[in-house]
Amino acid sequence: METTEKLIRNRVQLLGNLGMDPELREFGAGKRKARFSIATNERFGMGDGQFKEDTQWHTVVAWGRLAQEAAEQLRKGSRVAVEGRLVHGQYDGKDGKKRYFTEVVMTAFQVQEAKAEVAEAA
């Protein structure tokens, strides 16, 4: 049981579309960081025959080799499955007020085929 608990303690899986091309930054000593956003959509019934769609935006960051791969393979609108862990942080804004953020630190990703591409292949 302890092994399973370690594997799923802080684990996030998202399936969505990129809202922007990954932004790749390089730091000293060859370190790389990619940042991008993913939109996930959920559709649910309101109980009166009406449906509502809810879109949530998630900030995703990747480091090192994975950052480089994301920058090479992902583009705005790409459908992608992402796995990672949630990280919460804070910083002082330019106005001196504390700002809080939550982001997914990506550990793996897989580009998904668009529905039209899947239909054409069938």
PDB file of N, CA and C in Angstrom:
ATOM      1  N   MET A   1       0.827  -1.195   0.000  1.00  0.00           N
ATOM      2  CA  MET A   1       0.000   0.000   0.000  1.00  0.00           C
ATOM      3  C   MET A   1       0.868   1.255   0.000  1.00  0.00           C
ATOM      4  N   GLU A   2       1.972   1.246   0.701  1.00  0.00           N
ATOM      5  CA  GLU A   2       2.823   2.427   0.763  1.00  0.00           C
ATOM      6  C   GLU A   2       3.334   2.802  -0.620  1.00  0.00           C
ATOM      7  N   THR A   3       3.675   1.824  -1.459  1.00  0.00           N
ATOM      8  CA  THR A   3       4.162   2.114  -2.807  1.00  0.00           C
ATOM      9  C   THR A   3       3.088   2.805  -3.631  1.00  0.00           C
ATOM     10  N   THR A   4       1.849   2.339  -3.575  1.00  0.00           N
ATOM     11  CA  THR A   4       0.751   2.973  -4.296  1.00  0.00           C
ATOM     12  C   THR A   4       0.537   4.387  -3.801  1.00  0.00           C
ATOM     13  N   GLU A   5       0.610   4.582  -2.494  1.00  0.00           N
ATOM     14  CA  GLU A   5       0.418   5.914  -1.929  1.00  0.00           C
ATOM     15  C   GLU A   5       1.489   6.880  -2.432  1.00  0.00           C
ATOM     16  N   LYS A   6       2.721   6.445  -2.538  1.00  0.00           N
ATOM     17  CA  LYS A   6       3.792   7.300  -3.044  1.00  0.00           C
ATOM     18  C   LYS A   6       3.553   7.672  -4.496  1.00  0.00           C
ATOM     19  N   LEU A   7       2.999   6.750  -5.280  1.00  0.00           N
ATOM     20  CA  LEU A   7       2.784   6.994  -6.703  1.00  0.00           C
ATOM     21  C   LEU A   7       1.646   7.971  -6.975  1.00  0.00           C
ATOM     22  N   ILE A   8       0.631   8.003  -6.126  1.00  0.00           N
ATOM     23  CA  ILE A   8      -0.532   8.830  -6.425  1.00  0.00           C
ATOM     24  C   ILE A   8      -0.742   9.977  -5.430  1.00  0.00           C
ATOM     25  N   ARG A   9       0.203  10.249  -4.615  1.00  0.00           N
ATOM     26  CA  ARG A   9       0.047  11.296  -3.600  1.00  0.00           C
ATOM     27  C   ARG A   9      -0.224  12.667  -4.224  1.00  0.00           C
ATOM     28  N   ASN A  10       0.560  13.073  -5.189  1.00  0.00           N
ATOM     29  CA  ASN A  10       0.385  14.374  -5.842  1.00  0.00           C
ATOM     30  C   ASN A  10       0.519  14.138  -7.342  1.00  0.00           C
ATOM     31  N   ARG A  11      -0.557  13.711  -7.945  1.00  0.00           N
ATOM     32  CA  ARG A  11      -0.532  13.340  -9.360  1.00  0.00           C
ATOM     33  C   ARG A  11      -1.720  13.978 -10.076  1.00  0.00           C
ATOM     34  N   VAL A  12      -1.433  14.632 -11.194  1.00  0.00           N
ATOM     35  CA  VAL A  12      -2.451  15.301 -11.973  1.00  0.00           C
ATOM     36  C   VAL A  12      -2.396  14.764 -13.394  1.00  0.00           C
ATOM     37  N   GLN A  13      -3.557  14.495 -13.975  1.00  0.00           N
ATOM     38  CA  GLN A  13      -3.653  14.099 -15.368  1.00  0.00           C
ATOM     39  C   GLN A  13      -4.666  15.010 -16.038  1.00  0.00           C
ATOM     40  N   LEU A  14      -4.262  15.628 -17.140  1.00  0.00           N
ATOM     41  CA  LEU A  14      -5.134  16.537 -17.870  1.00  0.00           C
ATOM     42  C   LEU A  14      -5.181  16.129 -19.334  1.00  0.00           C
ATOM     43  N   LEU A  15      -6.340  16.311 -19.941  1.00  0.00           N
ATOM     44  CA  LEU A  15      -6.499  16.126 -21.374  1.00  0.00           C
ATOM     45  C   LEU A  15      -7.176  17.388 -21.880  1.00  0.00           C
ATOM     46  N   GLY A  16      -6.474  18.128 -22.714  1.00  0.00           N
ATOM     47  CA  GLY A  16      -7.036  19.391 -23.176  1.00  0.00           C
ATOM     48  C   GLY A  16      -6.290  19.936 -24.370  1.00  0.00           C
ATOM     49  N   ASN A  17      -6.537  21.204 -24.660  1.00  0.00           N
ATOM     50  CA  ASN A  17      -5.938  21.868 -25.816  1.00  0.00           C
ATOM     51  C   ASN A  17      -5.053  23.019 -25.357  1.00  0.00           C
ATOM     52  N   LEU A  18      -3.918  23.174 -26.023  1.00  0.00           N
ATOM     53  CA  LEU A  18      -3.012  24.257 -25.696  1.00  0.00           C
ATOM     54  C   LEU A  18      -3.611  25.592 -26.082  1.00  0.00           C
ATOM     55  N   GLY A  19      -3.495  26.559 -25.186  1.00  0.00           N
ATOM     56  CA  GLY A  19      -3.990  27.898 -25.440  1.00  0.00           C
ATOM     57  C   GLY A  19      -2.941  28.797 -26.054  1.00  0.00           C
ATOM     58  N   MET A  20      -1.689  28.332 -26.067  1.00  0.00           N
ATOM     59  CA  MET A  20      -0.593  29.119 -26.630  1.00  0.00           C
ATOM     60  C   MET A  20       0.576  28.189 -26.930  1.00  0.00           C
ATOM     61  N   ASP A  21       1.451  28.617 -27.826  1.00  0.00           N
ATOM     62  CA  ASP A  21       2.674  27.854 -28.064  1.00  0.00           C
ATOM     63  C   ASP A  21       3.493  27.842 -26.773  1.00  0.00           C
ATOM     64  N   PRO A  22       4.203  26.752 -26.501  1.00  0.00           N
ATOM     65  CA  PRO A  22       5.073  26.746 -25.318  1.00  0.00           C
ATOM     66  C   PRO A  22       6.123  27.854 -25.422  1.00  0.00           C
ATOM     67  N   GLU A  23       6.354  28.507 -24.321  1.00  0.00           N
ATOM     68  CA  GLU A  23       7.365  29.551 -24.233  1.00  0.00           C
ATOM     69  C   GLU A  23       8.606  28.923 -23.607  1.00  0.00           C
ATOM     70  N   LEU A  24       9.674  28.784 -24.389  1.00  0.00           N
ATOM     71  CA  LEU A  24      10.895  28.125 -23.924  1.00  0.00           C
ATOM     72  C   LEU A  24      11.905  29.175 -23.487  1.00  0.00           C
ATOM     73  N   ARG A  25      12.427  29.016 -22.290  1.00  0.00           N
ATOM     74  CA  ARG A  25      13.466  29.910 -21.763  1.00  0.00           C
ATOM     75  C   ARG A  25      14.668  29.077 -21.378  1.00  0.00           C
ATOM     76  N   GLU A  26      15.829  29.630 -21.644  1.00  0.00           N
ATOM     77  CA  GLU A  26      17.071  28.962 -21.264  1.00  0.00           C
ATOM     78  C   GLU A  26      17.763  29.776 -20.188  1.00  0.00           C
ATOM     79  N   PHE A  27      18.268  29.060 -19.193  1.00  0.00           N
ATOM     80  CA  PHE A  27      18.990  29.677 -18.091  1.00  0.00           C
ATOM     81  C   PHE A  27      20.447  29.259 -18.199  1.00  0.00           C
ATOM     82  N   GLY A  28      21.280  29.792 -17.350  1.00  0.00           N
ATOM     83  CA  GLY A  28      22.692  29.422 -17.342  1.00  0.00           C
ATOM     84  C   GLY A  28      22.886  27.925 -17.198  1.00  0.00           C
ATOM     85  N   ALA A  29      24.011  27.446 -17.686  1.00  0.00           N
ATOM     86  CA  ALA A  29      24.378  26.023 -17.603  1.00  0.00           C
ATOM     87  C   ALA A  29      23.413  25.123 -18.378  1.00  0.00           C
ATOM     88  N   GLY A  30      22.752  25.654 -19.409  1.00  0.00           N
ATOM     89  CA  GLY A  30      21.917  24.840 -20.290  1.00  0.00           C
ATOM     90  C   GLY A  30      20.580  24.402 -19.711  1.00  0.00           C
ATOM     91  N   LYS A  31      20.123  24.995 -18.612  1.00  0.00           N
ATOM     92  CA  LYS A  31      18.823  24.636 -18.051  1.00  0.00           C
ATOM     93  C   LYS A  31      17.727  25.256 -18.906  1.00  0.00           C
ATOM     94  N   ARG A  32      16.652  24.493 -19.101  1.00  0.00           N
ATOM     95  CA  ARG A  32      15.530  24.958 -19.915  1.00  0.00           C
ATOM     96  C   ARG A  32      14.227  24.818 -19.148  1.00  0.00           C
ATOM     97  N   LYS A  33      13.322  25.772 -19.428  1.00  0.00           N
ATOM     98  CA  LYS A  33      11.991  25.741 -18.829  1.00  0.00           C
ATOM     99  C   LYS A  33      10.988  26.130 -19.903  1.00  0.00           C
ATOM    100  N   ALA A  34       9.941  25.325 -20.054  1.00  0.00           N
ATOM    101  CA  ALA A  34       8.849  25.640 -20.975  1.00  0.00           C
ATOM    102  C   ALA A  34       7.601  25.912 -20.151  1.00  0.00           C
ATOM    103  N   ARG A  35       6.837  26.902 -20.588  1.00  0.00           N
ATOM    104  CA  ARG A  35       5.578  27.253 -19.914  1.00  0.00           C
ATOM    105  C   ARG A  35       4.501  27.381 -20.982  1.00  0.00           C
ATOM    106  N   PHE A  36       3.318  26.818 -20.694  1.00  0.00           N
ATOM    107  CA  PHE A  36       2.175  26.944 -21.596  1.00  0.00           C
ATOM    108  C   PHE A  36       0.905  26.727 -20.808  1.00  0.00           C
ATOM    109  N   SER A  37      -0.225  26.971 -21.455  1.00  0.00           N
ATOM    110  CA  SER A  37      -1.510  26.777 -20.787  1.00  0.00           C
ATOM    111  C   SER A  37      -2.327  25.729 -21.542  1.00  0.00           C
ATOM    112  N   ILE A  38      -3.141  25.016 -20.778  1.00  0.00           N
ATOM    113  CA  ILE A  38      -4.034  23.992 -21.338  1.00  0.00           C
ATOM    114  C   ILE A  38      -5.459  24.302 -20.874  1.00  0.00           C
ATOM    115  N   ALA A  39      -6.397  24.221 -21.809  1.00  0.00           N
ATOM    116  CA  ALA A  39      -7.810  24.379 -21.483  1.00  0.00           C
ATOM    117  C   ALA A  39      -8.458  23.000 -21.432  1.00  0.00           C
ATOM    118  N   THR A  40      -9.152  22.722 -20.336  1.00  0.00           N
ATOM    119  CA  THR A  40      -9.934  21.495 -20.237  1.00  0.00           C
ATOM    120  C   THR A  40     -11.405  21.896 -20.222  1.00  0.00           C
ATOM    121  N   ASN A  41     -12.235  21.093 -20.863  1.00  0.00           N
ATOM    122  CA  ASN A  41     -13.667  21.394 -20.971  1.00  0.00           C
ATOM    123  C   ASN A  41     -14.481  20.276 -20.351  1.00  0.00           C
ATOM    124  N   GLU A  42     -15.541  20.674 -19.672  1.00  0.00           N
ATOM    125  CA  GLU A  42     -16.471  19.716 -19.083  1.00  0.00           C
ATOM    126  C   GLU A  42     -17.876  20.171 -19.427  1.00  0.00           C
ATOM    127  N   ARG A  43     -18.683  19.249 -19.868  1.00  0.00           N
ATOM    128  CA  ARG A  43     -20.073  19.550 -20.211  1.00  0.00           C
ATOM    129  C   ARG A  43     -20.975  18.780 -19.253  1.00  0.00           C
ATOM    130  N   PHE A  44     -21.917  19.493 -18.663  1.00  0.00           N
ATOM    131  CA  PHE A  44     -22.812  18.820 -17.727  1.00  0.00           C
ATOM    132  C   PHE A  44     -24.223  19.356 -17.860  1.00  0.00           C
ATOM    133  N   GLY A  45     -25.183  18.496 -17.481  1.00  0.00           N
ATOM    134  CA  GLY A  45     -26.594  18.857 -17.561  1.00  0.00           C
ATOM    135  C   GLY A  45     -27.013  19.719 -16.386  1.00  0.00           C
ATOM    136  N   MET A  46     -27.918  20.642 -16.676  1.00  0.00           N
ATOM    137  CA  MET A  46     -28.431  21.546 -15.641  1.00  0.00           C
ATOM    138  C   MET A  46     -29.698  20.980 -14.993  1.00  0.00           C
ATOM    139  N   GLY A  47     -30.187  19.846 -15.477  1.00  0.00           N
ATOM    140  CA  GLY A  47     -31.376  19.224 -14.905  1.00  0.00           C
ATOM    141  C   GLY A  47     -32.666  19.617 -15.591  1.00  0.00           C
ATOM    142  N   ASP A  48     -32.625  20.629 -16.439  1.00  0.00           N
ATOM    143  CA  ASP A  48     -33.829  21.079 -17.137  1.00  0.00           C
ATOM    144  C   ASP A  48     -33.708  20.856 -18.646  1.00  0.00           C
ATOM    145  N   GLY A  49     -32.832  19.925 -19.027  1.00  0.00           N
ATOM    146  CA  GLY A  49     -32.615  19.658 -20.447  1.00  0.00           C
ATOM    147  C   GLY A  49     -31.549  20.544 -21.067  1.00  0.00           C
ATOM    148  N   GLN A  50     -31.104  21.528 -20.319  1.00  0.00           N
ATOM    149  CA  GLN A  50     -30.055  22.435 -20.788  1.00  0.00           C
ATOM    150  C   GLN A  50     -28.689  21.908 -20.355  1.00  0.00           C
ATOM    151  N   PHE A  51     -27.687  22.211 -21.151  1.00  0.00           N
ATOM    152  CA  PHE A  51     -26.330  21.812 -20.825  1.00  0.00           C
ATOM    153  C   PHE A  51     -25.452  23.044 -20.698  1.00  0.00           C
ATOM    154  N   LYS A  52     -24.460  22.927 -19.854  1.00  0.00           N
ATOM    155  CA  LYS A  52     -23.514  24.012 -19.659  1.00  0.00           C
ATOM    156  C   LYS A  52     -22.113  23.462 -19.867  1.00  0.00           C
ATOM    157  N   GLU A  53     -21.265  24.257 -20.490  1.00  0.00           N
ATOM    158  CA  GLU A  53     -19.882  23.862 -20.681  1.00  0.00           C
ATOM    159  C   GLU A  53     -18.999  24.742 -19.805  1.00  0.00           C
ATOM    160  N   ASP A  54     -18.104  24.098 -19.092  1.00  0.00           N
ATOM    161  CA  ASP A  54     -17.192  24.800 -18.192  1.00  0.00           C
ATOM    162  C   ASP A  54     -15.775  24.578 -18.678  1.00  0.00           C
ATOM    163  N   THR A  55     -15.040  25.668 -18.910  1.00  0.00           N
ATOM    164  CA  THR A  55     -13.650  25.594 -19.345  1.00  0.00           C
ATOM    165  C   THR A  55     -12.758  26.046 -18.204  1.00  0.00           C
ATOM    166  N   GLN A  56     -11.767  25.241 -17.898  1.00  0.00           N
ATOM    167  CA  GLN A  56     -10.776  25.575 -16.879  1.00  0.00           C
ATOM    168  C   GLN A  56      -9.412  25.703 -17.549  1.00  0.00           C
ATOM    169  N   TRP A  57      -8.646  26.717 -17.170  1.00  0.00           N
ATOM    170  CA  TRP A  57      -7.303  26.933 -17.711  1.00  0.00           C
ATOM    171  C   TRP A  57      -6.273  26.508 -16.680  1.00  0.00           C
ATOM    172  N   HIS A  58      -5.245  25.793 -17.141  1.00  0.00           N
ATOM    173  CA  HIS A  58      -4.193  25.277 -16.277  1.00  0.00           C
ATOM    174  C   HIS A  58      -2.841  25.727 -16.817  1.00  0.00           C
ATOM    175  N   THR A  59      -2.009  26.256 -15.946  1.00  0.00           N
ATOM    176  CA  THR A  59      -0.645  26.611 -16.325  1.00  0.00           C
ATOM    177  C   THR A  59       0.227  25.382 -16.133  1.00  0.00           C
ATOM    178  N   VAL A  60       1.013  25.060 -17.157  1.00  0.00           N
ATOM    179  CA  VAL A  60       1.880  23.889 -17.126  1.00  0.00           C
ATOM    180  C   VAL A  60       3.318  24.339 -17.356  1.00  0.00           C
ATOM    181  N   VAL A  61       4.247  23.783 -16.588  1.00  0.00           N
ATOM    182  CA  VAL A  61       5.667  24.045 -16.801  1.00  0.00           C
ATOM    183  C   VAL A  61       6.397  22.716 -16.938  1.00  0.00           C
ATOM    184  N   ALA A  62       7.444  22.732 -17.734  1.00  0.00           N
ATOM    185  CA  ALA A  62       8.287  21.551 -17.917  1.00  0.00           C
ATOM    186  C   ALA A  62       9.735  22.001 -17.824  1.00  0.00           C
ATOM    187  N   TRP A  63      10.598  21.118 -17.407  1.00  0.00           N
ATOM    188  CA  TRP A  63      12.009  21.439 -17.219  1.00  0.00           C
ATOM    189  C   TRP A  63      12.893  20.506 -18.049  1.00  0.00           C
ATOM    190  N   GLY A  64      14.069  20.986 -18.386  1.00  0.00           N
ATOM    191  CA  GLY A  64      15.102  20.168 -19.021  1.00  0.00           C
ATOM    192  C   GLY A  64      14.721  19.630 -20.390  1.00  0.00           C
ATOM    193  N   ARG A  65      15.044  18.355 -20.607  1.00  0.00           N
ATOM    194  CA  ARG A  65      14.777  17.694 -21.885  1.00  0.00           C
ATOM    195  C   ARG A  65      13.297  17.709 -22.227  1.00  0.00           C
ATOM    196  N   LEU A  66      12.447  17.534 -21.231  1.00  0.00           N
ATOM    197  CA  LEU A  66      11.005  17.533 -21.448  1.00  0.00           C
ATOM    198  C   LEU A  66      10.525  18.910 -21.921  1.00  0.00           C
ATOM    199  N   ALA A  67      11.139  19.966 -21.423  1.00  0.00           N
ATOM    200  CA  ALA A  67      10.798  21.321 -21.874  1.00  0.00           C
ATOM    201  C   ALA A  67      11.134  21.481 -23.352  1.00  0.00           C
ATOM    202  N   GLN A  68      12.281  20.993 -23.750  1.00  0.00           N
ATOM    203  CA  GLN A  68      12.702  21.081 -25.152  1.00  0.00           C
ATOM    204  C   GLN A  68      11.748  20.287 -26.041  1.00  0.00           C
ATOM    205  N   GLU A  69      11.377  19.081 -25.637  1.00  0.00           N
ATOM    206  CA  GLU A  69      10.454  18.252 -26.414  1.00  0.00           C
ATOM    207  C   GLU A  69       9.080  18.924 -26.543  1.00  0.00           C
ATOM    208  N   ALA A  70       8.612  19.513 -25.466  1.00  0.00           N
ATOM    209  CA  ALA A  70       7.316  20.205 -25.503  1.00  0.00           C
ATOM    210  C   ALA A  70       7.377  21.368 -26.487  1.00  0.00           C
ATOM    211  N   ALA A  71       8.454  22.144 -26.446  1.00  0.00           N
ATOM    212  CA  ALA A  71       8.600  23.288 -27.348  1.00  0.00           C
ATOM    213  C   ALA A  71       8.664  22.850 -28.812  1.00  0.00           C
ATOM    214  N   GLU A  72       9.228  21.686 -29.077  1.00  0.00           N
ATOM    215  CA  GLU A  72       9.351  21.184 -30.445  1.00  0.00           C
ATOM    216  C   GLU A  72       8.050  20.562 -30.962  1.00  0.00           C
ATOM    217  N   GLN A  73       7.291  19.907 -30.086  1.00  0.00           N
ATOM    218  CA  GLN A  73       6.150  19.102 -30.533  1.00  0.00           C
ATOM    219  C   GLN A  73       4.779  19.757 -30.348  1.00  0.00           C
ATOM    220  N   LEU A  74       4.667  20.731 -29.462  1.00  0.00           N
ATOM    221  CA  LEU A  74       3.358  21.286 -29.137  1.00  0.00           C
ATOM    222  C   LEU A  74       3.162  22.665 -29.753  1.00  0.00           C
ATOM    223  N   ARG A  75       1.954  22.921 -30.201  1.00  0.00           N
ATOM    224  CA  ARG A  75       1.577  24.212 -30.758  1.00  0.00           C
ATOM    225  C   ARG A  75       0.203  24.597 -30.243  1.00  0.00           C
ATOM    226  N   LYS A  76      -0.102  25.875 -30.292  1.00  0.00           N
ATOM    227  CA  LYS A  76      -1.410  26.367 -29.891  1.00  0.00           C
ATOM    228  C   LYS A  76      -2.488  25.539 -30.584  1.00  0.00           C
ATOM    229  N   GLY A  77      -3.462  25.071 -29.818  1.00  0.00           N
ATOM    230  CA  GLY A  77      -4.545  24.255 -30.356  1.00  0.00           C
ATOM    231  C   GLY A  77      -4.286  22.766 -30.292  1.00  0.00           C
ATOM    232  N   SER A  78      -3.035  22.349 -30.067  1.00  0.00           N
ATOM    233  CA  SER A  78      -2.723  20.911 -29.976  1.00  0.00           C
ATOM    234  C   SER A  78      -3.537  20.264 -28.869  1.00  0.00           C
ATOM    235  N   ARG A  79      -4.031  19.065 -29.143  1.00  0.00           N
ATOM    236  CA  ARG A  79      -4.709  18.280 -28.105  1.00  0.00           C
ATOM    237  C   ARG A  79      -3.637  17.420 -27.457  1.00  0.00           C
ATOM    238  N   VAL A  80      -3.543  17.495 -26.138  1.00  0.00           N
ATOM    239  CA  VAL A  80      -2.451  16.823 -25.451  1.00  0.00           C
ATOM    240  C   VAL A  80      -2.909  16.248 -24.110  1.00  0.00           C
ATOM    241  N   ALA A  81      -2.342  15.102 -23.772  1.00  0.00           N
ATOM    242  CA  ALA A  81      -2.519  14.505 -22.450  1.00  0.00           C
ATOM    243  C   ALA A  81      -1.254  14.825 -21.662  1.00  0.00           C
ATOM    244  N   VAL A  82      -1.441  15.374 -20.476  1.00  0.00           N
ATOM    245  CA  VAL A  82      -0.319  15.792 -19.637  1.00  0.00           C
ATOM    246  C   VAL A  82      -0.423  15.102 -18.292  1.00  0.00           C
ATOM    247  N   GLU A  83       0.714  14.674 -17.781  1.00  0.00           N
ATOM    248  CA  GLU A  83       0.770  14.131 -16.429  1.00  0.00           C
ATOM    249  C   GLU A  83       1.815  14.919 -15.663  1.00  0.00           C
ATOM    250  N   GLY A  84       1.540  15.169 -14.398  1.00  0.00           N
ATOM    251  CA  GLY A  84       2.492  15.916 -13.586  1.00  0.00           C
ATOM    252  C   GLY A  84       2.045  15.994 -12.144  1.00  0.00           C
ATOM    253  N   ARG A  85       2.534  17.034 -11.480  1.00  0.00           N
ATOM    254  CA  ARG A  85       2.186  17.237 -10.074  1.00  0.00           C
ATOM    255  C   ARG A  85       1.838  18.700  -9.859  1.00  0.00           C
ATOM    256  N   LEU A  86       0.952  18.967  -8.900  1.00  0.00           N
ATOM    257  CA  LEU A  86       0.553  20.331  -8.589  1.00  0.00           C
ATOM    258  C   LEU A  86       1.586  20.997  -7.686  1.00  0.00           C
ATOM    259  N   VAL A  87       1.875  22.243  -8.002  1.00  0.00           N
ATOM    260  CA  VAL A  87       2.776  23.047  -7.175  1.00  0.00           C
ATOM    261  C   VAL A  87       2.086  24.377  -6.910  1.00  0.00           C
ATOM    262  N   HIS A  88       2.071  24.790  -5.658  1.00  0.00           N
ATOM    263  CA  HIS A  88       1.499  26.073  -5.257  1.00  0.00           C
ATOM    264  C   HIS A  88       2.648  26.961  -4.799  1.00  0.00           C
ATOM    265  N   GLY A  89       2.567  28.235  -5.114  1.00  0.00           N
ATOM    266  CA  GLY A  89       3.619  29.151  -4.696  1.00  0.00           C
ATOM    267  C   GLY A  89       3.092  30.565  -4.541  1.00  0.00           C
ATOM    268  N   GLN A  90       3.988  31.440  -4.146  1.00  0.00           N
ATOM    269  CA  GLN A  90       3.632  32.843  -3.986  1.00  0.00           C
ATOM    270  C   GLN A  90       4.842  33.705  -4.298  1.00  0.00           C
ATOM    271  N   TYR A  91       4.569  34.950  -4.612  1.00  0.00           N
ATOM    272  CA  TYR A  91       5.623  35.922  -4.855  1.00  0.00           C
ATOM    273  C   TYR A  91       5.061  37.306  -4.569  1.00  0.00           C
ATOM    274  N   ASP A  92       5.948  38.257  -4.418  1.00  0.00           N
ATOM    275  CA  ASP A  92       5.533  39.635  -4.203  1.00  0.00           C
ATOM    276  C   ASP A  92       5.427  40.330  -5.547  1.00  0.00           C
ATOM    277  N   GLY A  93       4.259  40.895  -5.832  1.00  0.00           N
ATOM    278  CA  GLY A  93       4.043  41.615  -7.077  1.00  0.00           C
ATOM    279  C   GLY A  93       4.768  42.953  -7.069  1.00  0.00           C
ATOM    280  N   LYS A  94       4.802  43.600  -8.209  1.00  0.00           N
ATOM    281  CA  LYS A  94       5.465  44.898  -8.322  1.00  0.00           C
ATOM    282  C   LYS A  94       4.840  45.945  -7.410  1.00  0.00           C
ATOM    283  N   ASP A  95       3.564  45.733  -7.083  1.00  0.00           N
ATOM    284  CA  ASP A  95       2.872  46.658  -6.188  1.00  0.00           C
ATOM    285  C   ASP A  95       3.072  46.304  -4.715  1.00  0.00           C
ATOM    286  N   GLY A  96       3.895  45.280  -4.444  1.00  0.00           N
ATOM    287  CA  GLY A  96       4.172  44.884  -3.061  1.00  0.00           C
ATOM    288  C   GLY A  96       3.185  43.896  -2.475  1.00  0.00           C
ATOM    289  N   LYS A  97       2.111  43.583  -3.194  1.00  0.00           N
ATOM    290  CA  LYS A  97       1.107  42.637  -2.696  1.00  0.00           C
ATOM    291  C   LYS A  97       1.529  41.209  -3.028  1.00  0.00           C
ATOM    292  N   LYS A  98       1.152  40.303  -2.137  1.00  0.00           N
ATOM    293  CA  LYS A  98       1.445  38.883  -2.370  1.00  0.00           C
ATOM    294  C   LYS A  98       0.544  38.351  -3.479  1.00  0.00           C
ATOM    295  N   ARG A  99       1.123  37.588  -4.366  1.00  0.00           N
ATOM    296  CA  ARG A  99       0.397  36.924  -5.437  1.00  0.00           C
ATOM    297  C   ARG A  99       0.588  35.417  -5.249  1.00  0.00           C
ATOM    298  N   TYR A 100      -0.465  34.678  -5.553  1.00  0.00           N
ATOM    299  CA  TYR A 100      -0.438  33.230  -5.390  1.00  0.00           C
ATOM    300  C   TYR A 100      -0.653  32.569  -6.741  1.00  0.00           C
ATOM    301  N   PHE A 101      -0.051  31.401  -6.941  1.00  0.00           N
ATOM    302  CA  PHE A 101      -0.225  30.682  -8.191  1.00  0.00           C
ATOM    303  C   PHE A 101      -0.255  29.178  -7.939  1.00  0.00           C
ATOM    304  N   THR A 102      -0.871  28.490  -8.867  1.00  0.00           N
ATOM    305  CA  THR A 102      -0.874  27.032  -8.897  1.00  0.00           C
ATOM    306  C   THR A 102      -0.506  26.625 -10.310  1.00  0.00           C
ATOM    307  N   GLU A 103       0.415  25.696 -10.447  1.00  0.00           N
ATOM    308  CA  GLU A 103       0.791  25.217 -11.769  1.00  0.00           C
ATOM    309  C   GLU A 103       1.041  23.720 -11.723  1.00  0.00           C
ATOM    310  N   VAL A 104       0.986  23.109 -12.896  1.00  0.00           N
ATOM    311  CA  VAL A 104       1.276  21.691 -13.035  1.00  0.00           C
ATOM    312  C   VAL A 104       2.709  21.574 -13.525  1.00  0.00           C
ATOM    313  N   VAL A 105       3.545  20.878 -12.766  1.00  0.00           N
ATOM    314  CA  VAL A 105       4.899  20.593 -13.220  1.00  0.00           C
ATOM    315  C   VAL A 105       4.821  19.263 -13.960  1.00  0.00           C
ATOM    316  N   MET A 106       5.014  19.334 -15.278  1.00  0.00           N
ATOM    317  CA  MET A 106       4.797  18.188 -16.157  1.00  0.00           C
ATOM    318  C   MET A 106       5.919  17.159 -16.006  1.00  0.00           C
ATOM    319  N   THR A 107       5.514  15.890 -15.948  1.00  0.00           N
ATOM    320  CA  THR A 107       6.479  14.788 -15.918  1.00  0.00           C
ATOM    321  C   THR A 107       6.402  13.949 -17.186  1.00  0.00           C
ATOM    322  N   ALA A 108       5.294  14.065 -17.933  1.00  0.00           N
ATOM    323  CA  ALA A 108       5.133  13.331 -19.190  1.00  0.00           C
ATOM    324  C   ALA A 108       4.003  13.966 -19.989  1.00  0.00           C
ATOM    325  N   PHE A 109       4.069  13.801 -21.313  1.00  0.00           N
ATOM    326  CA  PHE A 109       2.973  14.270 -22.156  1.00  0.00           C
ATOM    327  C   PHE A 109       2.871  13.388 -23.389  1.00  0.00           C
ATOM    328  N   GLN A 110       1.686  13.426 -24.005  1.00  0.00           N
ATOM    329  CA  GLN A 110       1.455  12.689 -25.237  1.00  0.00           C
ATOM    330  C   GLN A 110       0.506  13.501 -26.107  1.00  0.00           C
ATOM    331  N   VAL A 111       0.933  13.779 -27.326  1.00  0.00           N
ATOM    332  CA  VAL A 111       0.086  14.501 -28.263  1.00  0.00           C
ATOM    333  C   VAL A 111      -1.021  13.559 -28.700  1.00  0.00           C
ATOM    334  N   GLN A 112      -2.257  14.050 -28.677  1.00  0.00           N
ATOM    335  CA  GLN A 112      -3.418  13.251 -29.065  1.00  0.00           C
ATOM    336  C   GLN A 112      -3.808  13.602 -30.484  1.00  0.00           C
ATOM    337  N   GLU A 113      -4.330  12.630 -31.204  1.00  0.00           N
ATOM    338  CA  GLU A 113      -4.804  12.892 -32.559  1.00  0.00           C
ATOM    339  C   GLU A 113      -6.107  13.662 -32.493  1.00  0.00           C
ATOM    340  N   ALA A 114      -6.260  14.600 -33.388  1.00  0.00           N
ATOM    341  CA  ALA A 114      -7.528  15.340 -33.482  1.00  0.00           C
ATOM    342  C   ALA A 114      -8.609  14.389 -33.967  1.00  0.00           C
ATOM    343  N   LYS A 115      -9.864  14.664 -33.623  1.00  0.00           N
ATOM    344  CA  LYS A 115     -10.978  13.793 -34.020  1.00  0.00           C
ATOM    345  C   LYS A 115     -11.056  13.648 -35.533  1.00  0.00           C
ATOM    346  N   ALA A 116     -10.810  14.711 -36.278  1.00  0.00           N
ATOM    347  CA  ALA A 116     -10.872  14.659 -37.742  1.00  0.00           C
ATOM    348  C   ALA A 116      -9.795  13.730 -38.291  1.00  0.00           C
ATOM    349  N   GLU A 117      -8.586  13.773 -37.686  1.00  0.00           N
ATOM    350  CA  GLU A 117      -7.505  12.904 -38.145  1.00  0.00           C
ATOM    351  C   GLU A 117      -7.839  11.446 -37.871  1.00  0.00           C
ATOM    352  N   VAL A 118      -8.467  11.155 -36.740  1.00  0.00           N
ATOM    353  CA  VAL A 118      -8.848   9.789 -36.387  1.00  0.00           C
ATOM    354  C   VAL A 118      -9.902   9.291 -37.372  1.00  0.00           C
ATOM    355  N   ALA A 119     -10.891  10.126 -37.719  1.00  0.00           N
ATOM    356  CA  ALA A 119     -11.941   9.742 -38.642  1.00  0.00           C
ATOM    357  C   ALA A 119     -11.373   9.461 -40.031  1.00  0.00           C
ATOM    358  N   GLU A 120     -10.407  10.268 -40.478  1.00  0.00           N
ATOM    359  CA  GLU A 120      -9.802  10.061 -41.787  1.00  0.00           C
ATOM    360  C   GLU A 120      -9.005   8.769 -41.843  1.00  0.00           C
ATOM    361  N   ALA A 121      -8.387   8.387 -40.722  1.00  0.00           N
ATOM    362  CA  ALA A 121      -7.568   7.186 -40.695  1.00  0.00           C
ATOM    363  C   ALA A 121      -8.415   5.911 -40.717  1.00  0.00           C
ATOM    364  N   ALA A 122      -9.678   6.021 -40.307  1.00  0.00           N
ATOM    365  CA  ALA A 122     -10.551   4.844 -40.212  1.00  0.00           C
ATOM    366  C   ALA A 122     -11.045   4.366 -41.538  1.00  0.00           C
TER     367      ALA A 122
END
